[in-house]
């Protein structure tokens, strides 16, 4: 499904159908989060000692994290 969506996005873009290209790309992107969640969970389960550490009480502001809107909506809208 993921590969078909990427190919569909490429074909739609080449034909000038940018709305379909965007929709197909977003769906393919979304599928990778599901894959990522499964893989990361399995890796941590197999090697928990490599991932156990104390979490800081407050994360440092590095200005590298994406805006919170990305987590709430799945995409970022410029203000």
Protein backbone atom coordinates (compact mmCIF):
# COMPACT_ATOMS: atom_id res chain seq x y z
CA UNK A 1 0.00 0.00 0.00
CA UNK A 2 2.75 2.48 0.95
CA UNK A 3 4.70 1.96 -2.27
CA UNK A 4 1.56 2.18 -4.41
CA UNK A 5 0.71 5.50 -2.75
CA UNK A 6 4.18 6.87 -3.43
CA UNK A 7 4.02 5.79 -7.06
CA UNK A 8 0.52 7.27 -7.32
CA UNK A 9 1.78 10.52 -5.82
CA UNK A 10 4.63 10.67 -8.31
CA UNK A 11 2.34 9.94 -11.26
CA UNK A 12 -0.22 12.50 -10.11
CA UNK A 13 2.50 15.12 -9.67
CA UNK A 14 3.91 14.39 -13.12
CA UNK A 15 0.40 14.87 -14.56
CA UNK A 16 -0.03 18.18 -12.72
CA UNK A 17 -2.64 16.82 -10.28
CA UNK A 18 -1.01 18.33 -7.21
CA UNK A 19 -3.95 17.82 -4.88
CA UNK A 20 -3.94 14.05 -5.47
CA UNK A 21 -0.15 14.00 -5.23
CA UNK A 22 -0.35 15.72 -1.84
CA UNK A 23 -3.09 13.39 -0.58
CA UNK A 24 -1.18 10.27 -1.66
CA UNK A 25 2.05 11.53 -0.10
CA UNK A 26 0.32 12.32 3.21
CA UNK A 27 -1.22 8.83 3.35
CA UNK A 28 2.12 7.16 2.60
CA UNK A 29 3.78 9.35 5.25
CA UNK A 30 1.11 8.38 7.78
CA UNK A 31 1.68 4.66 7.15
CA UNK A 32 5.32 5.02 8.08
CA UNK A 33 4.36 6.22 11.58
CA UNK A 34 2.48 2.96 12.14
CA UNK A 35 5.53 0.97 10.95
CA UNK A 36 7.83 3.13 13.03
CA UNK A 37 5.79 2.58 16.19
CA UNK A 38 5.88 -1.19 15.80
CA UNK A 39 9.59 -1.34 15.01
CA UNK A 40 10.64 1.02 17.79
CA UNK A 41 8.57 -0.88 20.34
CA UNK A 42 10.11 -4.19 19.29
CA UNK A 43 13.64 -2.79 19.44
CA UNK A 44 13.12 -1.36 22.93
CA UNK A 45 11.56 -4.64 24.10
CA UNK A 46 14.57 -6.61 22.85
CA UNK A 47 17.19 -4.23 24.31
CA UNK A 48 15.61 -2.33 27.21
CA UNK A 49 18.97 -1.68 28.90
CA UNK A 50 20.00 0.53 25.97
CA UNK A 51 16.96 2.75 26.33
CA UNK A 52 16.49 3.02 30.08
CA UNK A 53 17.55 6.35 31.46
CA UNK A 54 16.19 8.95 33.76
CA UNK A 55 14.02 11.50 32.04
CA UNK A 56 14.70 15.14 32.87
CA UNK A 57 11.93 16.94 34.71
CA UNK A 58 11.87 19.59 32.00
CA UNK A 59 13.12 19.25 28.46
CA UNK A 60 15.63 21.89 27.34
CA UNK A 61 14.41 24.42 24.77
CA UNK A 62 16.66 23.64 21.82
CA UNK A 63 14.33 25.18 19.21
CA UNK A 64 14.74 21.93 17.25
CA UNK A 65 11.39 20.37 18.08
CA UNK A 66 8.49 20.92 15.66
CA UNK A 67 5.63 23.13 16.83
CA UNK A 68 3.05 21.46 19.07
CA UNK A 69 0.41 21.81 16.32
CA UNK A 70 2.08 18.97 14.45
CA UNK A 71 1.32 16.57 17.30
CA UNK A 72 -2.25 17.77 17.76
CA UNK A 73 -3.34 17.83 14.13
CA UNK A 74 -0.84 15.70 12.23
CA UNK A 75 0.35 18.66 10.19
CA UNK A 76 1.68 22.15 10.71
CA UNK A 77 -0.20 25.24 9.67
CA UNK A 78 1.89 28.36 9.35
CA UNK A 79 0.38 31.27 11.22
